[in-house]
Amino acid sequence: MSAPTAFALAVAAVNGAAAAVGAWVYLRRKEGRVFWPLLRVGQAVAAAFAAYVGVLAALGHHPKEGLFYLYALLPIAVGVIAEQLRLSTASLVLAKLGIEDAKAVGALPEQEQREIVWTILRRELGVMAIAAFVVLCLALRAAQTAHGI
């Protein structure tokens, strides 16, 4: 097994673990204390892999399949898009509930505030768990197409 294949499999393993934990937390309606650090490690490993692939390319080591670069670099774009979706979650939830802004939430009874916050956090977690699953799939494809490097 080549080093790029092993690195891609490491990206897949960490992001697969994050996706699994995220799905479990989402479906069980639990707190995501373990999920968020695991997700961030998965993102860091994916970024390190992309940098590694860039260094290999700069040194003239190229795979036999050009799609490898797509699979190796696309997780960065997935992460950026997922973070943007996560950031818009609060606005979407408040708009769906007909609440103008965070100040208006503060005027609600405490139980309703907690429910709104929980809804926002759960939706954020769901978005990021799906992103981790997509990165898992891309990393597996990168591992399959890394031959020749």
N, C-alpha and C. Protein backbone atom coordinates (compact mmCIF):
# COMPACT_ATOMS: atom_id res chain seq x y z
N MET A 1 0.85 -1.18 0.00
CA MET A 1 0.00 0.00 0.00
C MET A 1 0.90 1.24 0.00
N SER A 2 0.57 2.18 -0.87
CA SER A 2 1.37 3.40 -0.96
C SER A 2 1.01 4.36 0.18
N ALA A 3 1.90 5.31 0.42
CA ALA A 3 1.67 6.30 1.48
C ALA A 3 0.42 7.15 1.19
N PRO A 4 0.20 7.61 -0.06
CA PRO A 4 -1.03 8.37 -0.33
C PRO A 4 -2.30 7.55 -0.08
N THR A 5 -2.25 6.27 -0.41
CA THR A 5 -3.42 5.41 -0.15
C THR A 5 -3.67 5.30 1.35
N ALA A 6 -2.61 5.07 2.10
CA ALA A 6 -2.75 4.96 3.56
C ALA A 6 -3.26 6.26 4.16
N PHE A 7 -2.75 7.38 3.68
CA PHE A 7 -3.19 8.68 4.18
C PHE A 7 -4.66 8.90 3.86
N ALA A 8 -5.08 8.56 2.64
CA ALA A 8 -6.48 8.70 2.26
C ALA A 8 -7.37 7.82 3.13
N LEU A 9 -6.90 6.62 3.44
CA LEU A 9 -7.68 5.73 4.31
C LEU A 9 -7.76 6.28 5.73
N ALA A 10 -6.71 6.96 6.18
CA ALA A 10 -6.76 7.60 7.50
C ALA A 10 -7.80 8.73 7.51
N VAL A 11 -7.84 9.51 6.43
CA VAL A 11 -8.86 10.56 6.30
C VAL A 11 -10.25 9.92 6.34
N ALA A 12 -10.42 8.83 5.62
CA ALA A 12 -11.71 8.13 5.59
C ALA A 12 -12.08 7.61 6.97
N ALA A 13 -11.11 7.05 7.68
CA ALA A 13 -11.40 6.47 9.00
C ALA A 13 -11.85 7.53 10.00
N VAL A 14 -11.13 8.63 10.06
CA VAL A 14 -11.48 9.67 11.04
C VAL A 14 -12.82 10.32 10.69
N ASN A 15 -13.01 10.61 9.41
CA ASN A 15 -14.28 11.23 9.02
C ASN A 15 -15.44 10.25 9.10
N GLY A 16 -15.17 8.97 8.86
CA GLY A 16 -16.21 7.95 9.04
C GLY A 16 -16.62 7.85 10.50
N ALA A 17 -15.64 7.92 11.39
CA ALA A 17 -15.96 7.89 12.82
C ALA A 17 -16.78 9.12 13.21
N ALA A 18 -16.39 10.28 12.69
CA ALA A 18 -17.14 11.51 12.98
C ALA A 18 -18.58 11.41 12.44
N ALA A 19 -18.73 10.89 11.24
CA ALA A 19 -20.06 10.74 10.65
C ALA A 19 -20.91 9.78 11.47
N ALA A 20 -20.32 8.68 11.90
CA ALA A 20 -21.07 7.69 12.69
C ALA A 20 -21.48 8.26 14.05
N VAL A 21 -20.54 8.91 14.71
CA VAL A 21 -20.86 9.52 16.01
C VAL A 21 -21.91 10.61 15.83
N GLY A 22 -21.74 11.41 14.79
CA GLY A 22 -22.71 12.47 14.52
C GLY A 22 -24.11 11.92 14.25
N ALA A 23 -24.19 10.86 13.47
CA ALA A 23 -25.50 10.25 13.20
C ALA A 23 -26.12 9.69 14.48
N TRP A 24 -25.29 9.05 15.28
CA TRP A 24 -25.79 8.49 16.54
C TRP A 24 -26.31 9.59 17.47
N VAL A 25 -25.52 10.64 17.60
CA VAL A 25 -25.91 11.76 18.47
C VAL A 25 -27.18 12.42 17.93
N TYR A 26 -27.25 12.61 16.62
CA TYR A 26 -28.41 13.25 16.01
C TYR A 26 -29.67 12.42 16.23
N LEU A 27 -29.58 11.14 15.95
CA LEU A 27 -30.76 10.28 16.06
C LEU A 27 -31.19 10.05 17.51
N ARG A 28 -30.24 10.03 18.43
CA ARG A 28 -30.55 9.80 19.85
C ARG A 28 -30.86 11.10 20.59
N ARG A 29 -30.70 12.23 19.88
CA ARG A 29 -30.95 13.54 20.48
C ARG A 29 -30.10 13.76 21.74
N LYS A 30 -28.82 13.43 21.60
CA LYS A 30 -27.86 13.60 22.70
C LYS A 30 -27.00 14.83 22.44
N GLU A 31 -26.18 15.17 23.42
CA GLU A 31 -25.22 16.25 23.24
C GLU A 31 -24.05 15.75 22.40
N GLY A 32 -23.46 16.63 21.62
CA GLY A 32 -22.39 16.24 20.71
C GLY A 32 -21.00 16.56 21.21
N ARG A 33 -20.74 16.34 22.48
CA ARG A 33 -19.43 16.69 23.05
C ARG A 33 -18.29 15.92 22.40
N VAL A 34 -18.50 14.68 22.04
CA VAL A 34 -17.46 13.88 21.40
C VAL A 34 -17.40 14.20 19.90
N PHE A 35 -18.54 14.50 19.33
CA PHE A 35 -18.61 14.71 17.88
C PHE A 35 -17.76 15.88 17.41
N TRP A 36 -17.89 17.03 18.03
CA TRP A 36 -17.24 18.24 17.51
C TRP A 36 -15.72 18.12 17.49
N PRO A 37 -15.06 17.66 18.56
CA PRO A 37 -13.59 17.50 18.45
C PRO A 37 -13.21 16.46 17.38
N LEU A 38 -13.97 15.38 17.29
CA LEU A 38 -13.68 14.35 16.29
C LEU A 38 -13.85 14.92 14.88
N LEU A 39 -14.88 15.71 14.67
CA LEU A 39 -15.09 16.36 13.38
C LEU A 39 -13.92 17.26 13.03
N ARG A 40 -13.47 18.06 13.99
CA ARG A 40 -12.36 18.99 13.74
C ARG A 40 -11.07 18.23 13.42
N VAL A 41 -10.84 17.11 14.08
CA VAL A 41 -9.68 16.28 13.75
C VAL A 41 -9.82 15.75 12.32
N GLY A 42 -11.01 15.32 11.96
CA GLY A 42 -11.25 14.84 10.59
C GLY A 42 -10.99 15.93 9.56
N GLN A 43 -11.42 17.15 9.85
CA GLN A 43 -11.17 18.26 8.94
C GLN A 43 -9.67 18.55 8.83
N ALA A 44 -8.97 18.49 9.96
CA ALA A 44 -7.53 18.74 9.96
C ALA A 44 -6.78 17.67 9.17
N VAL A 45 -7.18 16.42 9.33
CA VAL A 45 -6.53 15.34 8.60
C VAL A 45 -6.80 15.48 7.10
N ALA A 46 -8.00 15.87 6.74
CA ALA A 46 -8.33 16.08 5.32
C ALA A 46 -7.51 17.23 4.75
N ALA A 47 -7.34 18.30 5.51
CA ALA A 47 -6.53 19.43 5.05
C ALA A 47 -5.06 19.02 4.91
N ALA A 48 -4.57 18.24 5.86
CA ALA A 48 -3.18 17.77 5.79
C ALA A 48 -2.99 16.87 4.57
N PHE A 49 -3.97 16.04 4.28
CA PHE A 49 -3.90 15.18 3.10
C PHE A 49 -3.86 16.01 1.82
N ALA A 50 -4.69 17.04 1.75
CA ALA A 50 -4.71 17.91 0.57
C ALA A 50 -3.35 18.59 0.40
N ALA A 51 -2.76 19.03 1.51
CA ALA A 51 -1.43 19.66 1.43
C ALA A 51 -0.38 18.65 0.99
N TYR A 52 -0.47 17.44 1.51
CA TYR A 52 0.46 16.36 1.14
C TYR A 52 0.36 16.06 -0.36
N VAL A 53 -0.85 15.99 -0.86
CA VAL A 53 -1.06 15.73 -2.29
C VAL A 53 -0.48 16.88 -3.12
N GLY A 54 -0.64 18.11 -2.64
CA GLY A 54 -0.07 19.25 -3.34
C GLY A 54 1.44 19.19 -3.40
N VAL A 55 2.06 18.79 -2.30
CA VAL A 55 3.53 18.65 -2.27
C VAL A 55 3.97 17.55 -3.23
N LEU A 56 3.26 16.42 -3.22
CA LEU A 56 3.61 15.34 -4.15
C LEU A 56 3.51 15.80 -5.60
N ALA A 57 2.46 16.54 -5.90
CA ALA A 57 2.28 17.04 -7.27
C ALA A 57 3.40 18.00 -7.64
N ALA A 58 3.76 18.87 -6.70
CA ALA A 58 4.83 19.82 -6.96
C ALA A 58 6.17 19.12 -7.19
N LEU A 59 6.35 17.98 -6.56
CA LEU A 59 7.59 17.21 -6.72
C LEU A 59 7.57 16.31 -7.96
N GLY A 60 6.45 16.33 -8.68
CA GLY A 60 6.36 15.56 -9.92
C GLY A 60 5.81 14.16 -9.76
N HIS A 61 5.26 13.84 -8.60
CA HIS A 61 4.66 12.52 -8.39
C HIS A 61 3.16 12.62 -8.68
N HIS A 62 2.76 11.99 -9.77
CA HIS A 62 1.37 12.10 -10.20
C HIS A 62 0.73 10.71 -10.27
N PRO A 63 -0.57 10.63 -9.93
CA PRO A 63 -1.27 9.35 -10.02
C PRO A 63 -1.58 9.01 -11.48
N LYS A 64 -1.93 7.77 -11.71
CA LYS A 64 -2.31 7.35 -13.06
C LYS A 64 -3.68 7.90 -13.44
N GLU A 65 -4.51 8.13 -12.45
CA GLU A 65 -5.86 8.66 -12.70
C GLU A 65 -5.94 10.11 -12.24
N GLY A 66 -6.32 10.99 -13.13
CA GLY A 66 -6.44 12.40 -12.81
C GLY A 66 -7.55 12.72 -11.82
N LEU A 67 -8.55 11.83 -11.73
CA LEU A 67 -9.64 12.05 -10.79
C LEU A 67 -9.16 12.01 -9.33
N PHE A 68 -7.99 11.44 -9.11
CA PHE A 68 -7.45 11.39 -7.75
C PHE A 68 -7.41 12.79 -7.14
N TYR A 69 -6.99 13.78 -7.92
CA TYR A 69 -6.88 15.14 -7.39
C TYR A 69 -8.24 15.68 -6.96
N LEU A 70 -9.26 15.38 -7.74
CA LEU A 70 -10.61 15.79 -7.37
C LEU A 70 -11.01 15.18 -6.03
N TYR A 71 -10.81 13.89 -5.88
CA TYR A 71 -11.18 13.20 -4.64
C TYR A 71 -10.34 13.65 -3.45
N ALA A 72 -9.10 14.03 -3.70
CA ALA A 72 -8.21 14.44 -2.62
C ALA A 72 -8.46 15.88 -2.17
N LEU A 73 -8.86 16.74 -3.10
CA LEU A 73 -9.01 18.15 -2.77
C LEU A 73 -10.44 18.59 -2.49
N LEU A 74 -11.41 17.87 -3.02
CA LEU A 74 -12.82 18.23 -2.83
C LEU A 74 -13.26 18.24 -1.36
N PRO A 75 -12.70 17.41 -0.47
CA PRO A 75 -13.10 17.51 0.95
C PRO A 75 -12.90 18.90 1.55
N ILE A 76 -11.95 19.66 1.05
CA ILE A 76 -11.76 21.02 1.55
C ILE A 76 -12.97 21.87 1.18
N ALA A 77 -13.42 21.76 -0.05
CA ALA A 77 -14.61 22.51 -0.49
C ALA A 77 -15.85 22.05 0.27
N VAL A 78 -15.97 20.75 0.49
CA VAL A 78 -17.11 20.23 1.25
C VAL A 78 -17.13 20.83 2.65
N GLY A 79 -15.96 20.90 3.28
CA GLY A 79 -15.87 21.47 4.62
C GLY A 79 -16.26 22.94 4.66
N VAL A 80 -15.79 23.70 3.67
CA VAL A 80 -16.12 25.13 3.62
C VAL A 80 -17.62 25.34 3.41
N ILE A 81 -18.20 24.60 2.49
CA ILE A 81 -19.64 24.72 2.22
C ILE A 81 -20.45 24.30 3.44
N ALA A 82 -20.04 23.21 4.08
CA ALA A 82 -20.76 22.75 5.28
C ALA A 82 -20.70 23.78 6.40
N GLU A 83 -19.55 24.41 6.56
CA GLU A 83 -19.43 25.45 7.60
C GLU A 83 -20.35 26.63 7.29
N GLN A 84 -20.47 26.99 6.02
CA GLN A 84 -21.37 28.07 5.65
C GLN A 84 -22.83 27.70 5.92
N LEU A 85 -23.18 26.47 5.60
CA LEU A 85 -24.54 26.01 5.91
C LEU A 85 -24.79 25.98 7.41
N ARG A 86 -23.78 25.55 8.17
CA ARG A 86 -23.91 25.51 9.62
C ARG A 86 -24.13 26.91 10.17
N LEU A 87 -23.39 27.89 9.64
CA LEU A 87 -23.53 29.26 10.12
C LEU A 87 -24.90 29.85 9.82
N SER A 88 -25.53 29.41 8.75
CA SER A 88 -26.85 29.94 8.39
C SER A 88 -27.99 29.23 9.11
N THR A 89 -27.67 28.18 9.85
CA THR A 89 -28.71 27.39 10.51
C THR A 89 -29.56 28.20 11.46
N ALA A 90 -28.94 29.01 12.30
CA ALA A 90 -29.70 29.78 13.29
C ALA A 90 -30.71 30.71 12.60
N SER A 91 -30.27 31.39 11.55
CA SER A 91 -31.17 32.29 10.83
C SER A 91 -32.35 31.53 10.23
N LEU A 92 -32.06 30.35 9.66
CA LEU A 92 -33.13 29.56 9.05
C LEU A 92 -34.14 29.07 10.08
N VAL A 93 -33.65 28.60 11.23
CA VAL A 93 -34.55 28.12 12.27
C VAL A 93 -35.40 29.26 12.81
N LEU A 94 -34.78 30.39 13.08
CA LEU A 94 -35.55 31.54 13.59
C LEU A 94 -36.58 32.02 12.57
N ALA A 95 -36.20 32.06 11.29
CA ALA A 95 -37.14 32.47 10.25
C ALA A 95 -38.31 31.50 10.14
N LYS A 96 -38.02 30.22 10.25
CA LYS A 96 -39.08 29.21 10.17
C LYS A 96 -40.07 29.36 11.32
N LEU A 97 -39.56 29.78 12.48
CA LEU A 97 -40.42 29.96 13.65
C LEU A 97 -41.06 31.35 13.70
N GLY A 98 -40.71 32.20 12.74
CA GLY A 98 -41.27 33.55 12.69
C GLY A 98 -40.67 34.48 13.73
N ILE A 99 -39.44 34.21 14.14
CA ILE A 99 -38.75 35.03 15.14
C ILE A 99 -37.74 35.90 14.41
N GLU A 100 -37.74 37.20 14.72
CA GLU A 100 -36.91 38.14 13.98
C GLU A 100 -35.41 37.98 14.22
N ASP A 101 -35.01 37.88 15.50
CA ASP A 101 -33.58 37.83 15.81
C ASP A 101 -33.36 37.21 17.19
N ALA A 102 -32.10 37.18 17.61
CA ALA A 102 -31.74 36.56 18.89
C ALA A 102 -32.35 37.32 20.06
N LYS A 103 -32.51 38.63 19.93
CA LYS A 103 -33.13 39.41 21.01
C LYS A 103 -34.57 38.95 21.25
N ALA A 104 -35.26 38.65 20.17
CA ALA A 104 -36.64 38.18 20.28
C ALA A 104 -36.69 36.82 20.98
N VAL A 105 -35.68 36.00 20.76
CA VAL A 105 -35.61 34.71 21.45
C VAL A 105 -35.47 34.94 22.94
N GLY A 106 -34.67 35.94 23.33
CA GLY A 106 -34.46 36.26 24.74
C GLY A 106 -35.73 36.67 25.45
N ALA A 107 -36.72 37.14 24.71
CA ALA A 107 -37.98 37.55 25.32
C ALA A 107 -38.92 36.37 25.55
N LEU A 108 -38.60 35.21 24.99
CA LEU A 108 -39.45 34.03 25.14
C LEU A 108 -39.23 33.37 26.50
N PRO A 109 -40.17 32.55 26.93
CA PRO A 109 -39.96 31.78 28.17
C PRO A 109 -38.72 30.89 28.04
N GLU A 110 -38.08 30.61 29.18
CA GLU A 110 -36.82 29.88 29.18
C GLU A 110 -36.92 28.52 28.49
N GLN A 111 -38.01 27.80 28.69
CA GLN A 111 -38.16 26.49 28.07
C GLN A 111 -38.19 26.60 26.55
N GLU A 112 -38.88 27.61 26.02
CA GLU A 112 -38.91 27.81 24.57
C GLU A 112 -37.53 28.18 24.03
N GLN A 113 -36.80 29.00 24.79
CA GLN A 113 -35.44 29.36 24.40
C GLN A 113 -34.58 28.11 24.27
N ARG A 114 -34.67 27.23 25.27
CA ARG A 114 -33.89 26.00 25.25
C ARG A 114 -34.24 25.13 24.04
N GLU A 115 -35.54 25.03 23.74
CA GLU A 115 -35.97 24.23 22.60
C GLU A 115 -35.43 24.80 21.28
N ILE A 116 -35.43 26.11 21.16
CA ILE A 116 -34.92 26.74 19.94
C ILE A 116 -33.41 26.50 19.82
N VAL A 117 -32.69 26.71 20.91
CA VAL A 117 -31.25 26.48 20.89
C VAL A 117 -30.95 25.02 20.56
N TRP A 118 -31.69 24.09 21.15
CA TRP A 118 -31.48 22.68 20.88
C TRP A 118 -31.75 22.36 19.41
N THR A 119 -32.78 22.95 18.84
CA THR A 119 -33.10 22.74 17.43
C THR A 119 -31.96 23.24 16.54
N ILE A 120 -31.42 24.40 16.86
CA ILE A 120 -30.32 24.95 16.08
C ILE A 120 -29.09 24.06 16.19
N LEU A 121 -28.73 23.67 17.41
CA LEU A 121 -27.54 22.83 17.61
C LEU A 121 -27.69 21.48 16.91
N ARG A 122 -28.87 20.90 16.99
CA ARG A 122 -29.11 19.60 16.37
C ARG A 122 -28.98 19.70 14.85
N ARG A 123 -29.52 20.76 14.29
CA ARG A 123 -29.44 20.94 12.84
C ARG A 123 -28.00 21.18 12.40
N GLU A 124 -27.25 21.97 13.18
CA GLU A 124 -25.83 22.19 12.87
C GLU A 124 -25.08 20.86 12.88
N LEU A 125 -25.34 20.06 13.87
CA LEU A 125 -24.68 18.76 13.99
C LEU A 125 -25.03 17.87 12.80
N GLY A 126 -26.29 17.88 12.40
CA GLY A 126 -26.71 17.07 11.26
C GLY A 126 -26.00 17.47 9.97
N VAL A 127 -25.88 18.76 9.73
CA VAL A 127 -25.18 19.26 8.54
C VAL A 127 -23.74 18.79 8.54
N MET A 128 -23.08 18.92 9.68
CA MET A 128 -21.66 18.58 9.74
C MET A 128 -21.44 17.07 9.70
N ALA A 129 -22.36 16.29 10.24
CA ALA A 129 -22.25 14.83 10.16
C ALA A 129 -22.39 14.37 8.71
N ILE A 130 -23.30 14.97 7.98
CA ILE A 130 -23.45 14.63 6.56
C ILE A 130 -22.18 15.01 5.79
N ALA A 131 -21.61 16.16 6.11
CA ALA A 131 -20.37 16.58 5.45
C ALA A 131 -19.25 15.58 5.74
N ALA A 132 -19.16 15.11 6.98
CA ALA A 132 -18.14 14.11 7.32
C ALA A 132 -18.34 12.83 6.52
N PHE A 133 -19.60 12.44 6.31
CA PHE A 133 -19.89 11.25 5.51
C PHE A 133 -19.45 11.45 4.05
N VAL A 134 -19.71 12.63 3.51
CA VAL A 134 -19.29 12.93 2.14
C VAL A 134 -17.76 12.87 2.03
N VAL A 135 -17.07 13.42 3.02
CA VAL A 135 -15.60 13.37 3.02
C VAL A 135 -15.12 11.92 3.11
N LEU A 136 -15.79 11.11 3.91
CA LEU A 136 -15.47 9.68 3.99
C LEU A 136 -15.53 9.05 2.60
N CYS A 137 -16.61 9.31 1.87
CA CYS A 137 -16.77 8.73 0.53
C CYS A 137 -15.69 9.23 -0.42
N LEU A 138 -15.40 10.52 -0.38
CA LEU A 138 -14.37 11.08 -1.25
C LEU A 138 -12.99 10.50 -0.92
N ALA A 139 -12.71 10.35 0.36
CA ALA A 139 -11.41 9.81 0.77
C ALA A 139 -11.26 8.35 0.33
N LEU A 140 -12.34 7.59 0.39
CA LEU A 140 -12.28 6.20 -0.09
C LEU A 140 -11.99 6.16 -1.58
N ARG A 141 -12.60 7.06 -2.33
CA ARG A 141 -12.32 7.13 -3.77
C ARG A 141 -10.89 7.59 -4.02
N ALA A 142 -10.40 8.51 -3.20
CA ALA A 142 -9.00 8.94 -3.34
C ALA A 142 -8.07 7.76 -3.11
N ALA A 143 -8.37 6.94 -2.12
CA ALA A 143 -7.55 5.76 -1.85
C ALA A 143 -7.57 4.79 -3.04
N GLN A 144 -8.72 4.66 -3.67
CA GLN A 144 -8.85 3.75 -4.81
C GLN A 144 -8.12 4.25 -6.05
N THR A 145 -7.97 5.56 -6.18
CA THR A 145 -7.37 6.12 -7.39
C THR A 145 -5.95 6.63 -7.15
N ALA A 146 -5.36 6.35 -6.01
CA ALA A 146 -4.03 6.87 -5.67
C ALA A 146 -2.89 6.08 -6.29
N HIS A 147 -3.18 4.99 -6.97
CA HIS A 147 -2.11 4.16 -7.51
C HIS A 147 -1.27 4.93 -8.55
N GLY A 148 -0.02 4.64 -8.54
CA GLY A 148 0.88 5.28 -9.49
C GLY A 148 1.66 6.44 -8.93
N ILE A 149 1.33 6.85 -7.73
CA ILE A 149 2.04 8.00 -7.13
C ILE A 149 3.36 7.51 -6.58
